[in-house]
Structure formats: structure tokens, C-alpha cells
Protein backbone atom coordinates (compact mmCIF):
# COMPACT_ATOMS: atom_id res chain seq x y z
CA UNK A 1 -13.41 112.20 156.20
CA UNK A 2 -12.42 111.33 159.73
CA UNK A 3 -14.55 111.27 162.90
CA UNK A 4 -13.86 110.99 166.61
CA UNK A 5 -13.92 107.75 168.38
CA UNK A 6 -12.93 105.45 165.73
CA UNK A 7 -16.57 105.11 164.54
CA UNK A 8 -15.84 106.10 161.11
CA UNK A 9 -12.62 107.08 159.50
CA UNK A 10 -12.13 107.43 155.81
CA UNK A 11 -10.81 110.11 153.51
CA UNK A 12 -13.07 112.82 152.22
CA UNK A 13 -14.69 111.75 148.92
CA UNK A 14 -17.66 112.78 147.29
CA UNK A 15 -19.64 113.29 144.01
CA UNK A 16 -18.03 116.79 143.57
CA UNK A 17 -14.49 115.55 143.76
CA UNK A 18 -13.10 116.94 147.12
CA UNK A 19 -9.65 116.41 147.83
CA UNK A 20 -8.73 114.76 151.24
CA UNK A 21 -7.62 117.66 153.44
CA UNK A 22 -4.07 117.63 154.75
CA UNK A 23 -5.00 118.04 158.42
CA UNK A 24 -7.95 115.89 159.17
CA UNK A 25 -11.07 117.49 160.81
CA UNK A 26 -13.58 115.94 162.90
CA UNK A 27 -17.28 115.94 163.70
CA UNK A 28 -18.42 114.37 166.93
CA UNK A 29 -21.89 112.87 167.31
CA UNK A 30 -24.08 115.09 169.55
CA UNK A 31 -26.43 113.88 172.32
CA UNK A 32 -29.42 115.95 171.05
CA UNK A 33 -30.73 116.13 167.38
CA UNK A 34 -29.34 118.88 165.51
CA UNK A 35 -30.30 120.94 162.51
CA UNK A 36 -27.57 121.73 159.95
CA UNK A 37 -28.08 123.99 157.07
CA UNK A 38 -25.78 123.81 154.15
CA UNK A 39 -25.99 126.27 151.38
CA UNK A 40 -23.67 127.16 148.56
CA UNK A 41 -23.32 127.64 144.68
CA UNK A 42 -23.91 124.79 142.10
CA UNK A 43 -21.22 122.19 142.20
CA UNK A 44 -19.51 123.22 145.45
CA UNK A 45 -19.72 119.87 147.22
CA UNK A 46 -22.93 120.37 149.22
CA UNK A 47 -24.53 116.93 148.63
CA UNK A 48 -21.39 115.04 149.36
CA UNK A 49 -20.90 117.04 152.60
CA UNK A 50 -24.38 116.47 153.67
CA UNK A 51 -24.41 112.66 153.05
CA UNK A 52 -21.26 112.21 155.18
CA UNK A 53 -22.68 114.31 158.10
CA UNK A 54 -26.00 112.53 157.87
CA UNK A 55 -24.33 109.07 157.96
CA UNK A 56 -22.50 109.92 161.03
CA UNK A 57 -25.10 111.97 162.98
CA UNK A 58 -28.07 109.57 162.23
CA UNK A 59 -29.47 112.33 160.02
CA UNK A 60 -32.29 112.93 157.35
CA UNK A 61 -31.22 114.86 154.41
CA UNK A 62 -33.69 117.56 153.20
CA UNK A 63 -33.55 118.89 149.73
CA UNK A 64 -33.45 122.69 149.43
CA UNK A 65 -32.88 122.77 145.56
CA UNK A 66 -35.73 124.07 143.70
CA UNK A 67 -34.85 121.96 140.63
CA UNK A 68 -34.03 118.72 142.39
CA UNK A 69 -37.77 118.48 143.56
CA UNK A 70 -38.56 117.35 139.87
CA UNK A 71 -38.62 113.70 139.30
CA UNK A 72 -38.13 114.07 135.65
CA UNK A 73 -34.80 115.73 136.26
CA UNK A 74 -32.43 113.30 138.12
CA UNK A 75 -29.39 113.67 135.88
CA UNK A 76 -29.44 117.14 134.76
CA UNK A 77 -29.91 118.45 138.24
CA UNK A 78 -27.31 116.30 139.86
CA UNK A 79 -29.94 114.75 142.26
CA UNK A 80 -28.31 112.14 144.70
CA UNK A 81 -28.20 108.75 143.01
CA UNK A 82 -30.32 105.88 144.14
CA UNK A 83 -27.54 104.20 145.87
CA UNK A 84 -26.84 107.59 147.89
CA UNK A 85 -30.46 107.75 148.89
CA UNK A 86 -30.30 104.18 150.29
CA UNK A 87 -27.42 105.25 152.72
CA UNK A 88 -29.51 107.59 154.69
CA UNK A 89 -33.08 109.00 154.32
CA UNK A 90 -33.49 111.76 151.81
CA UNK A 91 -36.78 114.01 151.74
CA UNK A 92 -38.24 116.35 149.03
CA UNK A 93 -36.11 114.94 146.27
CA UNK A 94 -37.82 113.84 142.97
CA UNK A 95 -41.34 114.16 144.52
CA UNK A 96 -42.82 116.66 142.08
CA UNK A 97 -43.93 116.26 138.38
CA UNK A 98 -42.33 118.61 135.91
CA UNK A 99 -45.75 119.73 134.85
CA UNK A 100 -46.30 121.23 138.24
CA UNK A 101 -45.48 124.72 139.16
CA UNK A 102 -43.77 124.07 142.61
CA UNK A 103 -43.81 126.99 144.98
CA UNK A 104 -41.61 128.19 147.92
CA UNK A 105 -44.71 128.11 150.09
CA UNK A 106 -45.21 124.39 149.34
CA UNK A 107 -41.63 123.61 149.94
CA UNK A 108 -41.84 125.26 153.25
CA UNK A 109 -44.80 123.26 154.28
CA UNK A 110 -43.37 120.02 153.31
CA UNK A 111 -40.01 121.05 154.97
CA UNK A 112 -41.80 121.89 158.13
CA UNK A 113 -43.60 118.47 158.13
CA UNK A 114 -40.25 116.80 157.61
CA UNK A 115 -38.54 118.61 160.47
CA UNK A 116 -41.58 117.73 163.00
CA UNK A 117 -41.09 113.98 161.84
CA UNK A 118 -37.32 114.09 162.35
CA UNK A 119 -37.64 115.67 165.84
CA UNK A 120 -40.05 112.95 166.76
CA UNK A 121 -37.61 110.35 165.70
CA UNK A 122 -34.88 112.41 167.35
CA UNK A 123 -32.85 112.52 164.02
CA UNK A 124 -30.50 115.17 163.08
CA UNK A 125 -31.82 117.18 160.11
CA UNK A 126 -29.31 118.38 157.35
CA UNK A 127 -31.02 120.73 155.08
CA UNK A 128 -28.93 121.21 151.88
CA UNK A 129 -29.31 123.19 148.57
CA UNK A 130 -28.68 126.25 146.75
CA UNK A 131 -32.09 127.95 146.51
CA UNK A 132 -31.81 130.98 148.72
CA UNK A 133 -35.51 131.75 148.74
CA UNK A 134 -35.94 128.33 150.63
CA UNK A 135 -33.62 129.02 153.19
CA UNK A 136 -34.96 132.67 153.58
CA UNK A 137 -38.55 131.70 153.95
CA UNK A 138 -37.64 128.69 156.27
CA UNK A 139 -35.82 130.89 158.74
CA UNK A 140 -37.61 134.32 158.19
CA UNK A 141 -41.08 133.34 157.35
CA UNK A 142 -43.02 133.62 154.03
CA UNK A 143 -45.85 136.05 152.71
CA UNK A 144 -49.06 134.51 153.32
CA UNK A 145 -50.39 134.59 149.74
CA UNK A 146 -53.17 132.15 149.57
CA UNK A 147 -52.90 129.52 146.64
CA UNK A 148 -54.10 130.60 143.27
CA UNK A 149 -56.79 128.33 141.74
CA UNK A 150 -55.45 126.23 138.91
CA UNK A 151 -58.06 127.67 136.52
CA UNK A 152 -56.77 131.25 136.89
CA UNK A 153 -53.19 130.09 136.52
CA UNK A 154 -53.84 128.30 133.38
CA UNK A 155 -55.66 131.12 131.86
CA UNK A 156 -52.76 133.64 132.77
CA UNK A 157 -50.12 131.16 131.43
CA UNK A 158 -52.07 130.73 128.17
CA UNK A 159 -52.47 134.53 127.74
CA UNK A 160 -48.69 134.78 128.30
CA UNK A 161 -47.95 132.31 125.59
CA UNK A 162 -50.46 133.89 123.20
CA UNK A 163 -50.36 137.66 123.94
CA UNK A 164 -46.79 137.97 125.24
CA UNK A 165 -45.36 139.40 128.46
CA UNK A 166 -46.06 143.05 127.46
CA UNK A 167 -49.71 142.69 127.26
CA UNK A 168 -49.83 140.97 130.79
CA UNK A 169 -47.62 143.71 132.15
CA UNK A 170 -49.89 146.42 130.88
CA UNK A 171 -52.93 144.65 132.52
CA UNK A 172 -50.95 144.24 135.75
CA UNK A 173 -50.18 148.03 135.51
CA UNK A 174 -53.94 148.74 135.36
CA UNK A 175 -54.89 146.29 138.22
CA UNK A 176 -51.83 146.58 140.48
CA UNK A 177 -49.62 149.46 139.60
CA UNK A 178 -47.45 149.02 142.63
CA UNK A 179 -46.44 145.55 141.62
CA UNK A 180 -45.96 146.41 137.99
CA UNK A 181 -43.62 149.28 138.82
CA UNK A 182 -41.53 147.01 140.85
CA UNK A 183 -41.02 144.35 137.98
CA UNK A 184 -38.98 144.60 135.01
CA UNK A 185 -41.14 144.56 131.99
CA UNK A 186 -39.78 141.51 130.46
CA UNK A 187 -39.87 139.39 133.69
CA UNK A 188 -42.34 136.74 132.43
CA UNK A 189 -42.52 134.52 135.48
CA UNK A 190 -42.95 137.34 138.03
CA UNK A 191 -45.37 139.39 136.06
CA UNK A 192 -47.53 136.32 135.60
CA UNK A 193 -47.34 135.49 139.21
CA UNK A 194 -48.40 138.94 140.25
CA UNK A 195 -51.28 139.07 137.86
CA UNK A 196 -52.54 135.60 139.02
CA UNK A 197 -52.49 136.92 142.68
CA UNK A 198 -54.44 140.06 141.96
CA UNK A 199 -57.00 138.12 139.86
CA UNK A 200 -57.50 135.38 142.37
CA UNK A 201 -57.60 137.76 145.51
CA UNK A 202 -58.41 141.14 144.27
CA UNK A 203 -55.44 142.33 146.32
CA UNK A 204 -52.02 143.45 145.50
CA UNK A 205 -49.06 141.01 145.87
CA UNK A 206 -47.31 143.62 147.87
CA UNK A 207 -50.18 143.73 150.32
CA UNK A 208 -49.98 139.95 150.85
CA UNK A 209 -46.22 140.13 151.22
CA UNK A 210 -46.68 142.47 154.28
CA UNK A 211 -48.58 139.70 156.05
CA UNK A 212 -45.83 137.22 156.90
CA UNK A 213 -46.33 133.55 158.09
CA UNK A 214 -43.88 132.87 161.02
CA UNK A 215 -40.70 131.18 160.26
CA UNK A 216 -40.57 127.29 160.81
CA UNK A 217 -36.97 127.36 162.08
CA UNK A 218 -35.14 129.65 164.26
CA UNK A 219 -31.90 130.13 162.51
CA UNK A 220 -30.12 130.78 165.92
CA UNK A 221 -30.76 127.11 166.66
CA UNK A 222 -29.18 125.69 163.55
CA UNK A 223 -25.59 125.40 162.31
CA UNK A 224 -25.33 127.29 159.12
CA UNK A 225 -22.59 127.31 156.41
CA UNK A 226 -22.32 128.55 152.75
CA UNK A 227 -19.80 126.28 151.09
CA UNK A 228 -17.57 128.21 148.85
CA UNK A 229 -14.61 126.73 146.79
CA UNK A 230 -12.23 128.94 144.95
CA UNK A 231 -13.59 130.39 141.82
CA UNK A 232 -11.29 128.54 139.31
CA UNK A 233 -11.87 125.27 141.23
CA UNK A 234 -15.66 125.95 141.31
CA UNK A 235 -15.72 126.57 137.52
CA UNK A 236 -13.61 123.54 137.04
CA UNK A 237 -16.20 121.31 138.86
CA UNK A 238 -19.09 122.84 136.95
CA UNK A 239 -17.51 121.86 133.60
CA UNK A 240 -16.49 118.43 134.81
CA UNK A 241 -19.84 117.66 136.27
CA UNK A 242 -21.79 118.91 133.19
CA UNK A 243 -19.59 116.47 131.16
CA UNK A 244 -20.40 113.59 133.39
CA UNK A 245 -24.25 114.44 133.13
CA UNK A 246 -23.96 114.22 129.29
CA UNK A 247 -22.12 110.88 129.70
CA UNK A 248 -24.91 109.58 132.13
CA UNK A 249 -27.68 110.31 129.77
CA UNK A 250 -28.88 114.01 130.34
CA UNK A 251 -29.57 114.30 126.54
CA UNK A 252 -32.01 111.36 126.71
CA UNK A 253 -33.49 112.85 129.87
CA UNK A 254 -34.23 116.12 128.39
CA UNK A 255 -35.53 114.29 125.21
CA UNK A 256 -38.13 112.64 127.29
CA UNK A 257 -39.03 115.92 128.92
CA UNK A 258 -39.32 117.48 125.36
CA UNK A 259 -41.85 114.71 124.40
CA UNK A 260 -44.38 115.93 127.05
CA UNK A 261 -44.66 119.12 125.33
CA UNK A 262 -44.89 121.09 128.61
CA UNK A 263 -45.20 124.81 129.10
CA UNK A 264 -41.89 126.32 128.55
CA UNK A 265 -42.49 128.75 131.40
CA UNK A 266 -42.72 125.90 133.89
CA UNK A 267 -39.65 125.96 136.31
CA UNK A 268 -38.54 122.40 135.45
CA UNK A 269 -38.17 123.69 131.90
CA UNK A 270 -35.80 126.29 132.88
CA UNK A 271 -33.49 124.03 134.94
CA UNK A 272 -29.71 124.51 133.92
CA UNK A 273 -28.98 122.75 130.85
CA UNK A 274 -32.52 122.11 129.83
CA UNK A 275 -33.07 125.07 127.48
CA UNK A 276 -29.77 124.54 125.73
CA UNK A 277 -30.28 120.79 125.29
CA UNK A 278 -33.79 121.60 123.93
CA UNK A 279 -32.29 123.87 121.27
CA UNK A 280 -29.91 120.91 120.40
CA UNK A 281 -32.69 118.44 120.12
CA UNK A 282 -34.60 120.92 117.78
CA UNK A 283 -31.68 120.95 115.44
CA UNK A 284 -30.75 124.64 116.21
CA UNK A 285 -27.28 124.10 117.65
CA UNK A 286 -24.77 121.25 118.08
CA UNK A 287 -24.26 119.32 121.18
CA UNK A 288 -21.00 120.92 121.95
CA UNK A 289 -22.54 124.42 121.65
CA UNK A 290 -25.29 123.34 123.96
CA UNK A 291 -22.62 122.05 126.54
CA UNK A 292 -20.74 125.13 126.51
CA UNK A 293 -23.86 127.40 126.65
CA UNK A 294 -25.09 125.36 129.80
CA UNK A 295 -21.63 125.55 131.50
CA UNK A 296 -21.57 129.40 130.86
CA UNK A 297 -24.93 129.91 132.26
CA UNK A 298 -24.28 127.88 135.41
CA UNK A 299 -21.06 129.67 136.05
CA UNK A 300 -22.91 132.92 135.80
CA UNK A 301 -25.73 131.66 138.07
CA UNK A 302 -23.19 130.61 140.76
CA UNK A 303 -21.99 134.44 140.94
CA UNK A 304 -25.62 135.47 141.46
CA UNK A 305 -26.08 132.71 144.08
CA UNK A 306 -23.12 134.13 146.05
CA UNK A 307 -24.23 137.75 145.83
CA UNK A 308 -27.75 136.84 146.93
CA UNK A 309 -26.66 134.73 149.92
CA UNK A 310 -24.04 137.42 150.96
CA UNK A 311 -26.62 140.18 150.94
CA UNK A 312 -29.91 138.30 152.13
CA UNK A 313 -28.63 135.70 154.56
CA UNK A 314 -25.47 137.12 156.18
CA UNK A 315 -25.87 134.72 159.09
CA UNK A 316 -24.37 131.82 157.01
CA UNK A 317 -20.90 131.36 157.66
CA UNK A 318 -18.82 131.30 154.47
CA UNK A 319 -16.19 128.55 154.47
CA UNK A 320 -13.90 126.69 151.97
CA UNK A 321 -14.68 122.88 151.51
CA UNK A 322 -11.56 121.81 153.58
CA UNK A 323 -12.70 123.93 156.43
CA UNK A 324 -16.53 122.85 156.42
CA UNK A 325 -16.32 120.01 158.96
CA UNK A 326 -14.45 122.04 161.40
CA UNK A 327 -16.77 124.89 161.18
CA UNK A 328 -19.83 122.69 161.53
CA UNK A 329 -18.43 121.23 164.71
CA UNK A 330 -17.63 124.47 166.14
CA UNK A 331 -21.13 125.61 165.55
CA UNK A 332 -22.73 122.47 166.93
CA UNK A 333 -20.59 122.71 170.09
CA UNK A 334 -21.62 126.22 170.65
CA UNK A 335 -25.29 125.27 170.20
CA UNK A 336 -24.99 122.50 172.68
CA UNK A 337 -23.83 124.85 175.47
């Protein structure tokens, strides 16, 4: 990577294996703290780009990946390494226990607090991740659903495990037919969530969703990109990265998670690779089968990520990795006018 003024000049290099571009692009430091949003599919190189930008622009990196919040899952979620975290401040990484059901609302609250602190310190903020719901809530607002008491959540989750999703969907249909009609009968997580809300508040989830909290960030004041390599290159990176995770100890990490006997419906238990490695540890499949299944699921997930962002957040500029720096520079200069 190269920058203006001789302050920092080095070839592009990152955890996701970017090649040095033939024609070097540049990002100049700006006089006012800026906000940069970097989205993209898994293994597209978002973290490497965020780290380079944050180092140059005296930035803080804020995690917008719903699995990298869990402290139990550093390897299997490709969280930044301890060495990378020492290079610039990283926020909202590894701060949540796997036993917790971390919500979009909680992320928004913590991200907003991080934004406020960075503005006071006059630091650039680089928000990076692949969780579209986080970016959507940050820039468009969030339904004002109050927190569900833990005792109600525990009862619903226990019933889900004991009675199955069909029984919960039937009860939801009695209590909140509008929500029940909008959900697939087998959607365990969303059915449980909708039932929790109506039991806790006596109101439909749909009613709450009509009462939005305001956005914490005006997207018109941020540089926004969706980093998208060519499909074959992206799939190669996914496969290479998962091989590296296994070599780095992902099986042992999942083994430690398995030993906690957590609810399998918790978000952390559904992180890419975890269900397949759990099956391997249970003796159901070989490690090779678990690896292939994990890679296949991740490749399929990146297709859904791309479709979601294209439809829901069209304001993000889609760019190839070799054009990312130039695009961010252009957007920052435009914002500075």
C-alpha cells in the first residue's frame, strides 16, 4: 500500500492475501475525523484494508461482524490477531461470552458509544464487517423493541428444545398471527424471537418494528464501500482461510466451546464451521468432511451476503480490492468539500 507524502509506503499485504496492485493508489490523511464503512463478504479482505486505513488515518476500527463479537471464537471467525489489535485500537471484538444472545440493538448502542468517544478524540472511525443488519440499523435506525427479560427468553428457548419449532409456531399463530404468517414454519430463531416479544410486551413484533429508533449515523457523511473480489478468487480465499484456521487450532477452539454444553440455538453455536466441526467431534463425520462442509456453507453464505447488500444497502459502492483505496479516497475528498 502506498500513501501520499512519504509517510507510509509499502506494498499491499494483508491477512486475506491481496496482491500488490500494478498501479499504486493513495489515501491522504484528512484534516477532520472521518467515518469509513467497509462491508463485503467473508474473506474479501475487509480486515486488512481496515487496518491499513486506520494506521494511516489515526483511526479506530469498530467490528461489524456478528460472530467476531464472541470471545470464544477468535480462530474460527478470523478475528484480528492480538498483534493486529496492538497496531491500532479495535472495538467490539471478542467482548461477548458465547453463552449470550447478542442483539443488533446492543451492537448499535455500543457502536454509537464508540463513535461518540472517537469523535471526542478526533479519531477516524473505520467500521468493518459483513453483517448487513448492523450497517442497516446504524444508518437507518432500529425497531424500538424493548429488551426481553432473561426469564422469558430462557422459558421460550427451553420449550423450543423440548417441544420443537412447530409447537412454538402454533402458539405464535394464536398470539400474533401477523408475525406467524410472515415467518417460515421452520425458522427456529425468528419464531422464538417473535414469541418472546409478544410474551414480554403483549404487542406484536410488527407493531414494535413500526416504531423506529433514529439512526446513529447519517450515511451521507460516511465513505461506504462493499469490497467484492471476483467469485473464483473469493472462493479460493475462503478455502485457503479455512485450511489456515484448522492449522491454527480451530478444532481445539470448537472442542472447548463444545465442552460448555451451550444451547445449540445460540448465535455463537452457528458460526461458520462450528456446526460441522461439532459433528466431527461427535464422531459423526471425518475432519475432511467437516472442512468441506464448512467451506461449502461459507461460499453459499457469501452469495446471500452480496444479494442482501445489493438490495438493502444500495448506497454502498461495490469495488474490487485493487480499486478500494482509490474509491475511499475519492469519497473522502468529496465529503471534505
